[in-house]
Amino acid sequence: MLEKEVINFERTIIVGIITQNQSEEKLNEYLDELEFLTYTAGGEVIKRFSQKLERPNPKTFLGTGKIDEIHLYIKENNISTVIFDDELSPSQQKNISKILDCKILDRTHLILDIFAQRAETSYARTQVELAQCQYLLPRLSGMWTHLERQKGGIGLRGPGETEIETDRRIVRDRIALLKEKIRTIDKQMSVQRSNRGAMVRVALVGYTNVGKSTLMNVISKSEVFVENKLFATLDTTVRKVVIKNLPFLLSDTVGFIRKLPTQLVESFKSTLDEVREADLLLHVVDISHPDFEEHIQSVNQILQDIKSYGKPTIMVFNKIDAYKHLQIEADDLITEKTTKHYTLEEWKATWMSNVGEKNALFISATNKENFEEFREKVYEAVREIHITRFPYNKFLYPDYKDVIEE
């Protein structure tokens, strides 16, 4: 008889602050996401703490009273990890660790940890390790107190290198080595990309956990790993796809997230080359998520950072089967109608109509809802790019409705 596997989740609390730039409602949205990140990394959130501050305390991020309250809660409830929603400075992390006497992580460290768990290929592991080393370098002194002592012993007295300096040098050397390794793999990958010929390249982009890999599996009939967790896809997958008789290359890329660590954007630049070199972007959006508009802004911002904003783009609003809107009773004269009360039809009449009829799709990748319309729009967009590139091939690829599938 098979024994049931027992997964031990780390008992965790999450912490955030309400500032002039971040309202309580916005903080709750971020903490919801942080809780999902914690679950993805293998933690169970027992409680949330928040505090109103004009600006974070430069020493301990939070006020002393709130730190004492958290310290007491940790002692009484056997908490092993405290996760902060914002990136902590090395000195803040060091000071908080001394007071709370438990594992202290911030959002960046947590995302790096998830990436480390998810990295399957040698290339992904190299990229993640580089990001981790860059994050770790300024924080070495706070991680091990023995590193602050100077080496001693026969022949080692007098001015010399302290252990922390040695460790910093080792990490710097490691960073240089990893960067060199990534440069070598980048060359190999650029050769691979150039060997793919002049086929039209289409890239799936979007926030994490919006259904890009599910869509990839449905359209390319492949078996890319899918899971309802954040950052299930880390390695870029490229597949040749044929709609009717028109072939093109489709790539599934790493998902984006709000407050994405800069170290990750830097080290994953090469993975994002698939996006940079794509001729057409399919921007997948989880329309059932209450903050999907903010997700779109976050993705557009990262596309701007990697100089890919402004490419031909089709907005694919996925998970319409899971979309639910709040309803106002007919006799309710108090509740004010907001975007959370919009039906799908009402959404289509908002800014989504400005995207253009050709550039907006509403589908369900899981249920294959409106999938024929999706195939047609992608076919027409790819065909347009192909004909621009090879005008003499025009007769090979007629209009979608005129193509007879064998």
Protein backbone atom coordinates (compact mmCIF):
# COMPACT_ATOMS: atom_id res chain seq x y z
CA MET A 1 0.00 0.00 0.00
CA LEU A 2 1.31 3.43 -0.94
CA GLU A 3 1.93 5.81 1.94
CA LYS A 4 0.47 9.30 1.69
CA GLU A 5 3.10 11.97 1.29
CA VAL A 6 2.82 14.55 4.05
CA ILE A 7 3.91 18.03 2.99
CA ASN A 8 5.08 20.17 5.88
CA PHE A 9 4.38 23.82 5.12
CA GLU A 10 6.48 26.42 6.95
CA ARG A 11 4.44 28.46 9.41
CA THR A 12 4.71 32.00 8.08
CA ILE A 13 3.47 35.53 8.69
CA ILE A 14 3.45 38.25 6.04
CA VAL A 15 3.99 41.98 6.63
CA GLY A 16 3.25 45.12 4.61
CA ILE A 17 2.86 48.86 5.15
CA ILE A 18 0.21 51.43 4.19
CA THR A 19 1.83 54.64 2.89
CA GLN A 20 0.80 57.75 0.95
CA ASN A 21 1.56 55.85 -2.26
CA GLN A 22 -0.03 52.55 -1.18
CA SER A 23 -3.59 52.49 0.18
CA GLU A 24 -4.98 49.79 2.45
CA GLU A 25 -6.94 48.28 -0.46
CA LYS A 26 -3.80 48.18 -2.63
CA LEU A 27 -1.79 46.62 0.23
CA ASN A 28 -4.41 43.87 0.64
CA GLU A 29 -4.11 43.07 -3.08
CA TYR A 30 -0.32 42.82 -2.76
CA LEU A 31 -0.59 40.68 0.38
CA ASP A 32 -3.03 38.33 -1.40
CA GLU A 33 -0.40 37.88 -4.11
CA LEU A 34 2.35 37.50 -1.49
CA GLU A 35 0.27 34.79 0.21
CA PHE A 36 -0.02 32.91 -3.11
CA LEU A 37 3.76 33.31 -3.61
CA THR A 38 4.33 31.94 -0.08
CA TYR A 39 2.08 28.94 -0.81
CA THR A 40 3.94 28.33 -4.10
CA ALA A 41 7.27 28.37 -2.21
CA GLY A 42 5.97 25.90 0.41
CA GLY A 43 4.73 28.14 3.23
CA GLU A 44 1.43 28.51 5.06
CA VAL A 45 0.42 32.05 6.02
CA ILE A 46 -0.89 32.08 9.60
CA LYS A 47 -1.40 35.82 9.98
CA ARG A 48 -0.94 39.19 8.24
CA PHE A 49 0.47 42.33 9.86
CA SER A 50 0.24 45.86 8.47
CA GLN A 51 1.08 49.36 9.72
CA LYS A 52 0.34 52.90 8.56
CA LEU A 53 3.59 54.81 8.04
CA GLU A 54 4.57 57.94 6.14
CA ARG A 55 7.68 56.12 5.00
CA PRO A 56 9.42 52.86 6.02
CA ASN A 57 11.62 53.04 9.12
CA PRO A 58 15.23 53.05 7.77
CA LYS A 59 16.39 50.81 10.66
CA THR A 60 13.62 48.23 11.09
CA PHE A 61 11.19 48.98 8.22
CA LEU A 62 8.29 49.02 10.74
CA GLY A 63 7.81 51.03 13.95
CA THR A 64 9.23 49.60 17.20
CA GLY A 65 5.75 48.91 18.65
CA LYS A 66 4.72 46.81 15.63
CA ILE A 67 8.04 44.93 15.66
CA ASP A 68 7.47 44.06 19.36
CA GLU A 69 3.91 42.89 18.56
CA ILE A 70 5.23 40.62 15.78
CA HIS A 71 7.99 39.31 18.06
CA LEU A 72 5.43 38.33 20.72
CA TYR A 73 3.20 36.63 18.11
CA ILE A 74 6.19 34.64 16.75
CA LYS A 75 7.03 33.34 20.24
CA GLU A 76 3.44 32.36 21.08
CA ASN A 77 2.58 30.71 17.74
CA ASN A 78 5.78 28.91 16.73
CA ILE A 79 6.34 30.94 13.55
CA SER A 80 9.46 30.05 11.58
CA THR A 81 9.47 32.69 8.80
CA VAL A 82 8.49 36.35 8.41
CA ILE A 83 8.04 37.66 4.84
CA PHE A 84 7.94 41.38 4.02
CA ASP A 85 6.06 42.62 0.94
CA ASP A 86 8.75 45.16 -0.01
CA GLU A 87 12.47 44.72 -0.59
CA LEU A 88 14.44 45.22 2.64
CA SER A 89 17.82 46.92 2.67
CA PRO A 90 20.72 44.79 3.98
CA SER A 91 20.82 46.80 7.27
CA GLN A 92 17.03 46.48 7.78
CA GLN A 93 17.23 42.72 7.25
CA LYS A 94 20.12 42.46 9.73
CA ASN A 95 18.35 44.56 12.41
CA ILE A 96 15.00 42.77 12.07
CA SER A 97 16.72 39.35 12.26
CA LYS A 98 18.41 40.33 15.54
CA ILE A 99 15.11 41.43 17.12
CA LEU A 100 12.77 38.69 15.84
CA ASP A 101 15.33 35.86 15.94
CA CYS A 102 13.79 33.92 13.02
CA LYS A 103 14.11 33.65 9.24
CA ILE A 104 13.45 37.03 7.53
CA LEU A 105 12.65 37.18 3.81
CA ASP A 106 11.42 39.93 1.53
CA ARG A 107 9.36 39.67 -1.67
CA THR A 108 12.50 39.60 -3.85
CA HIS A 109 14.12 36.77 -1.86
CA LEU A 110 10.85 34.79 -1.99
CA ILE A 111 10.53 35.13 -5.78
CA LEU A 112 14.18 34.11 -6.20
CA ASP A 113 13.51 31.05 -4.03
CA ILE A 114 10.52 30.04 -6.20
CA PHE A 115 12.63 30.49 -9.34
CA ALA A 116 15.34 28.29 -7.80
CA GLN A 117 12.73 25.56 -7.13
CA ARG A 118 11.33 25.80 -10.66
CA ALA A 119 14.61 25.92 -12.63
CA GLU A 120 14.90 22.68 -14.58
CA THR A 121 17.51 23.27 -17.28
CA SER A 122 21.15 24.18 -16.78
CA TYR A 123 20.47 27.56 -18.41
CA ALA A 124 17.59 28.46 -16.08
CA ARG A 125 19.63 27.35 -13.04
CA THR A 126 22.54 29.56 -14.16
CA GLN A 127 20.25 32.58 -14.59
CA VAL A 128 18.65 32.05 -11.16
CA GLU A 129 22.00 31.53 -9.44
CA LEU A 130 23.31 34.78 -10.96
CA ALA A 131 20.26 36.68 -9.65
CA GLN A 132 20.69 35.06 -6.20
CA CYS A 133 24.38 35.98 -6.03
CA GLN A 134 23.65 39.59 -7.00
CA TYR A 135 20.99 39.72 -4.27
CA LEU A 136 23.24 38.01 -1.71
CA LEU A 137 26.41 40.10 -2.18
CA PRO A 138 25.39 43.23 -0.19
CA ARG A 139 23.69 41.06 2.48
CA LEU A 140 26.61 38.79 3.42
CA SER A 141 27.48 40.56 6.68
CA GLY A 142 23.97 40.11 8.04
CA MET A 143 23.81 36.40 7.31
CA TRP A 144 26.68 34.98 9.37
CA THR A 145 28.19 36.77 12.36
CA HIS A 146 31.38 34.69 12.18
CA LEU A 147 32.18 36.40 8.88
CA GLU A 148 32.94 39.64 10.72
CA ARG A 149 35.89 38.09 12.54
CA GLN A 150 39.39 38.26 11.12
CA LYS A 151 41.30 35.08 10.40
CA GLY A 152 43.99 34.34 12.93
CA GLY A 153 46.63 31.71 13.67
CA ILE A 154 50.29 31.12 12.82
CA GLY A 155 51.37 33.06 9.79
CA LEU A 156 48.03 34.83 9.50
CA ARG A 157 48.45 37.57 12.12
CA GLY A 158 48.60 41.22 11.21
CA PRO A 159 46.82 43.02 8.42
CA GLY A 160 44.99 40.57 6.22
CA GLU A 161 41.72 39.75 4.62
CA THR A 162 38.74 39.29 6.96
CA GLU A 163 36.46 36.31 6.32
CA ILE A 164 33.67 38.55 5.07
CA GLU A 165 36.03 40.08 2.49
CA THR A 166 37.03 36.58 1.40
CA ASP A 167 33.39 35.57 1.03
CA ARG A 168 32.54 38.74 -0.91
CA ARG A 169 35.44 38.05 -3.25
CA ILE A 170 34.22 34.44 -3.76
CA VAL A 171 30.68 35.70 -4.57
CA ARG A 172 32.06 38.36 -6.97
CA ASP A 173 34.18 35.72 -8.72
CA ARG A 174 31.12 33.47 -8.93
CA ILE A 175 29.06 36.31 -10.48
CA ALA A 176 31.79 36.93 -13.09
CA LEU A 177 31.90 33.18 -13.87
CA LEU A 178 28.10 32.92 -14.21
CA LYS A 179 27.95 36.00 -16.46
CA GLU A 180 30.58 34.43 -18.70
CA LYS A 181 28.60 31.14 -18.76
CA ILE A 182 25.40 33.01 -19.69
CA ARG A 183 27.23 34.88 -22.48
CA THR A 184 28.37 31.53 -23.93
CA ILE A 185 24.83 30.06 -23.78
CA ASP A 186 23.42 33.30 -25.26
CA LYS A 187 25.67 32.85 -28.30
CA GLN A 188 24.45 29.25 -28.70
CA MET A 189 20.81 30.35 -28.36
CA SER A 190 21.21 33.20 -30.88
CA VAL A 191 22.66 30.64 -33.34
CA GLN A 192 19.64 28.40 -32.69
CA ARG A 193 17.30 31.34 -33.30
CA SER A 194 19.10 32.25 -36.55
CA ASN A 195 18.84 28.60 -37.68
CA ARG A 196 15.06 28.76 -37.45
CA GLY A 197 15.00 30.56 -40.78
CA ALA A 198 12.57 33.27 -41.74
CA MET A 199 9.47 31.78 -40.14
CA VAL A 200 7.17 34.23 -38.37
CA ARG A 201 7.78 34.20 -34.60
CA VAL A 202 4.92 34.57 -32.13
CA ALA A 203 5.50 34.92 -28.36
CA LEU A 204 3.03 34.38 -25.53
CA VAL A 205 3.53 37.08 -22.89
CA GLY A 206 1.57 38.00 -19.79
CA TYR A 207 1.37 38.01 -16.02
CA THR A 208 2.24 34.81 -14.16
CA ASN A 209 -0.53 32.18 -13.84
CA VAL A 210 -2.81 33.57 -16.59
CA GLY A 211 -2.91 30.36 -18.66
CA LYS A 212 -0.11 30.88 -21.22
CA SER A 213 1.14 27.29 -20.99
CA THR A 214 -2.42 25.90 -21.20
CA LEU A 215 -2.96 27.95 -24.36
CA MET A 216 0.40 26.75 -25.70
CA ASN A 217 -0.63 23.11 -25.15
CA VAL A 218 -4.01 23.58 -26.86
CA ILE A 219 -2.70 25.41 -29.93
CA SER A 220 0.51 23.40 -30.44
CA LYS A 221 -0.82 19.99 -29.23
CA SER A 222 2.27 19.73 -26.99
CA GLU A 223 2.60 18.91 -23.30
CA VAL A 224 4.18 21.91 -21.60
CA PHE A 225 4.08 21.70 -17.77
CA VAL A 226 0.96 23.38 -16.36
CA GLU A 227 0.11 24.03 -12.69
CA ASN A 228 -2.09 26.50 -10.82
CA LYS A 229 0.91 28.08 -9.12
CA LEU A 230 3.00 31.15 -9.81
CA PHE A 231 5.98 30.78 -12.17
CA ALA A 232 5.14 27.21 -13.26
CA THR A 233 6.99 28.02 -16.52
CA LEU A 234 10.59 29.17 -16.24
CA ASP A 235 12.26 27.77 -19.34
CA THR A 236 11.21 29.17 -22.68
CA THR A 237 9.53 26.54 -24.86
CA VAL A 238 9.43 27.00 -28.63
CA ARG A 239 7.13 24.91 -30.83
CA LYS A 240 6.35 24.89 -34.54
CA VAL A 241 2.62 25.45 -34.95
CA VAL A 242 0.55 25.07 -38.12
CA ILE A 243 -2.89 26.72 -38.38
CA LYS A 244 -4.64 25.48 -41.55
CA ASN A 245 -1.58 25.38 -43.84
CA LEU A 246 0.35 28.32 -42.31
CA PRO A 247 3.42 27.41 -40.18
CA PHE A 248 4.93 29.70 -37.52
CA LEU A 249 6.98 29.44 -34.33
CA LEU A 250 5.25 29.90 -30.96
CA SER A 251 7.23 30.49 -27.76
CA ASP A 252 5.97 30.27 -24.18
CA THR A 253 7.93 32.63 -21.89
CA VAL A 254 8.35 33.21 -18.16
CA GLY A 255 5.43 35.10 -16.58
CA PHE A 256 5.81 38.61 -15.21
CA ILE A 257 4.78 39.91 -11.78
CA ARG A 258 4.38 43.26 -10.00
CA LYS A 259 7.52 44.38 -8.16
CA LEU A 260 9.60 41.95 -10.24
CA PRO A 261 13.15 41.92 -8.79
CA THR A 262 15.57 43.88 -10.98
CA GLN A 263 18.16 41.10 -10.58
CA LEU A 264 15.75 38.71 -12.31
CA VAL A 265 14.98 41.08 -15.17
CA GLU A 266 18.75 41.44 -15.68
CA SER A 267 19.63 37.73 -15.53
CA PHE A 268 16.56 36.67 -17.57
CA LYS A 269 17.20 39.25 -20.32
CA SER A 270 18.40 36.46 -22.63
CA THR A 271 15.30 34.33 -22.01
CA LEU A 272 13.27 37.42 -22.87
CA ASP A 273 15.15 37.63 -26.19
CA GLU A 274 12.40 35.34 -27.52
CA VAL A 275 9.99 38.20 -26.80
CA ARG A 276 12.38 40.81 -28.20
CA GLU A 277 12.81 38.95 -31.48
CA ALA A 278 9.13 38.00 -31.89
CA ASP A 279 7.16 39.43 -34.81
CA LEU A 280 3.82 39.17 -32.99
CA LEU A 281 2.93 39.14 -29.28
CA LEU A 282 -0.07 37.35 -27.81
CA HIS A 283 -0.62 39.24 -24.55
CA VAL A 284 -2.60 36.77 -22.41
CA VAL A 285 -4.70 38.27 -19.59
CA ASP A 286 -6.60 36.44 -16.82
CA ILE A 287 -9.87 38.39 -17.05
CA SER A 288 -11.28 36.53 -14.03
CA HIS A 289 -8.64 38.14 -11.77
CA PRO A 290 -9.97 41.27 -9.99
CA ASP A 291 -6.72 43.20 -10.67
CA PHE A 292 -6.28 42.23 -14.33
CA GLU A 293 -6.01 45.88 -15.47
CA GLU A 294 -3.04 46.43 -13.17
CA HIS A 295 -1.50 43.17 -14.43
CA ILE A 296 -1.71 44.55 -17.99
CA GLN A 297 0.11 47.73 -16.88
CA SER A 298 2.84 45.67 -15.14
CA VAL A 299 3.40 43.54 -18.27
CA ASN A 300 3.47 46.63 -20.53
CA GLN A 301 6.03 48.25 -18.21
CA ILE A 302 8.34 45.20 -18.39
CA LEU A 303 7.87 45.08 -22.19
CA GLN A 304 9.00 48.72 -22.27
CA ASP A 305 12.03 47.84 -20.09
CA ILE A 306 13.10 45.14 -22.54
CA LYS A 307 12.33 47.41 -25.54
CA SER A 308 9.52 45.21 -26.89
CA TYR A 309 6.55 47.51 -26.35
CA GLY A 310 4.78 48.63 -29.52
CA LYS A 311 5.14 45.37 -31.46
CA PRO A 312 2.00 44.02 -33.22
CA THR A 313 -0.02 42.63 -30.29
CA ILE A 314 -3.24 40.66 -29.88
CA MET A 315 -4.84 40.96 -26.44
CA VAL A 316 -6.10 37.50 -25.43
CA PHE A 317 -8.52 37.74 -22.49
CA ASN A 318 -8.45 34.21 -21.09
CA LYS A 319 -10.52 32.36 -18.43
CA ILE A 320 -13.88 33.86 -19.47
CA ASP A 321 -15.45 30.66 -18.04
CA ALA A 322 -14.24 31.72 -14.55
CA TYR A 323 -15.25 35.40 -14.87
CA LYS A 324 -17.78 36.52 -12.24
CA HIS A 325 -19.01 40.06 -11.66
CA LEU A 326 -20.61 41.57 -8.57
CA GLN A 327 -24.33 42.26 -8.92
CA ILE A 328 -26.37 45.16 -7.58
CA GLU A 329 -29.93 44.36 -6.52
CA ALA A 330 -32.68 46.28 -8.34
CA ASP A 331 -33.83 47.98 -5.10
CA ASP A 332 -30.26 48.88 -4.00
CA LEU A 333 -29.93 52.64 -4.45
CA ILE A 334 -26.80 53.06 -2.29
CA THR A 335 -24.15 50.83 -3.86
CA GLU A 336 -22.15 52.67 -6.50
CA LYS A 337 -21.40 50.75 -9.69
CA THR A 338 -17.68 50.11 -10.20
CA THR A 339 -15.64 48.05 -12.68
CA LYS A 340 -16.12 45.01 -10.39
CA HIS A 341 -19.83 45.09 -11.38
CA TYR A 342 -19.12 45.08 -15.16
CA THR A 343 -20.34 42.15 -17.24
CA LEU A 344 -18.07 40.88 -20.04
CA GLU A 345 -20.21 42.78 -22.58
CA GLU A 346 -19.74 46.00 -20.59
CA TRP A 347 -15.98 45.41 -20.41
CA LYS A 348 -15.89 44.97 -24.20
CA ALA A 349 -17.45 48.43 -24.56
CA THR A 350 -14.77 50.13 -22.39
CA TRP A 351 -11.12 50.76 -23.35
CA MET A 352 -11.05 47.21 -24.78
CA SER A 353 -13.00 48.48 -27.80
CA ASN A 354 -10.15 50.95 -28.49
CA VAL A 355 -7.73 48.03 -28.88
CA GLY A 356 -9.58 47.25 -32.12
CA GLU A 357 -11.78 44.35 -33.12
CA LYS A 358 -8.83 42.52 -34.71
CA ASN A 359 -6.69 42.86 -31.60
CA ALA A 360 -8.96 41.63 -28.78
CA LEU A 361 -10.05 38.05 -28.13
CA PHE A 362 -12.15 36.58 -25.34
CA ILE A 363 -11.48 32.88 -24.86
CA SER A 364 -11.25 30.01 -22.40
CA ALA A 365 -8.14 27.91 -23.12
CA THR A 366 -9.31 25.14 -20.77
CA ASN A 367 -12.78 24.77 -22.34
CA LYS A 368 -11.65 25.77 -25.86
CA GLU A 369 -14.35 28.47 -25.86
CA ASN A 370 -14.16 30.85 -28.88
CA PHE A 371 -11.13 28.84 -29.99
CA GLU A 372 -12.00 28.90 -33.70
CA GLU A 373 -12.11 32.72 -33.55
CA PHE A 374 -8.70 32.65 -31.81
CA ARG A 375 -7.20 30.44 -34.56
CA GLU A 376 -8.61 32.72 -37.26
CA LYS A 377 -7.27 35.96 -35.70
CA VAL A 378 -3.80 34.47 -35.15
CA TYR A 379 -3.78 33.03 -38.71
CA GLU A 380 -4.70 36.41 -40.24
CA ALA A 381 -2.09 38.29 -38.15
CA VAL A 382 0.70 35.80 -38.98
CA ARG A 383 -0.35 35.74 -42.65
CA GLU A 384 -0.11 39.55 -42.84
CA ILE A 385 3.46 39.51 -41.43
CA HIS A 386 4.44 36.61 -43.73
CA ILE A 387 3.07 38.33 -46.87
CA THR A 388 4.88 41.58 -45.98
CA ARG A 389 8.10 39.58 -45.73
CA PHE A 390 7.50 37.36 -48.80
CA PRO A 391 5.03 39.11 -51.17
CA TYR A 392 5.49 36.35 -53.80
CA ASN A 393 4.08 33.77 -51.30
CA LYS A 394 0.71 35.49 -51.12
CA PHE A 395 -1.13 32.88 -53.19
CA LEU A 396 0.03 30.08 -50.81
CA TYR A 397 -1.93 31.43 -47.85
CA PRO A 398 -5.45 32.63 -48.77
CA ASP A 399 -7.98 34.04 -46.29
CA TYR A 400 -8.67 31.76 -43.32
CA LYS A 401 -12.22 30.89 -44.48
CA ASP A 402 -10.97 29.98 -47.97
CA VAL A 403 -8.38 27.46 -46.79
CA ILE A 404 -9.49 23.84 -47.15
CA GLU A 405 -7.92 21.70 -44.41
CA GLU A 406 -6.83 18.28 -45.57
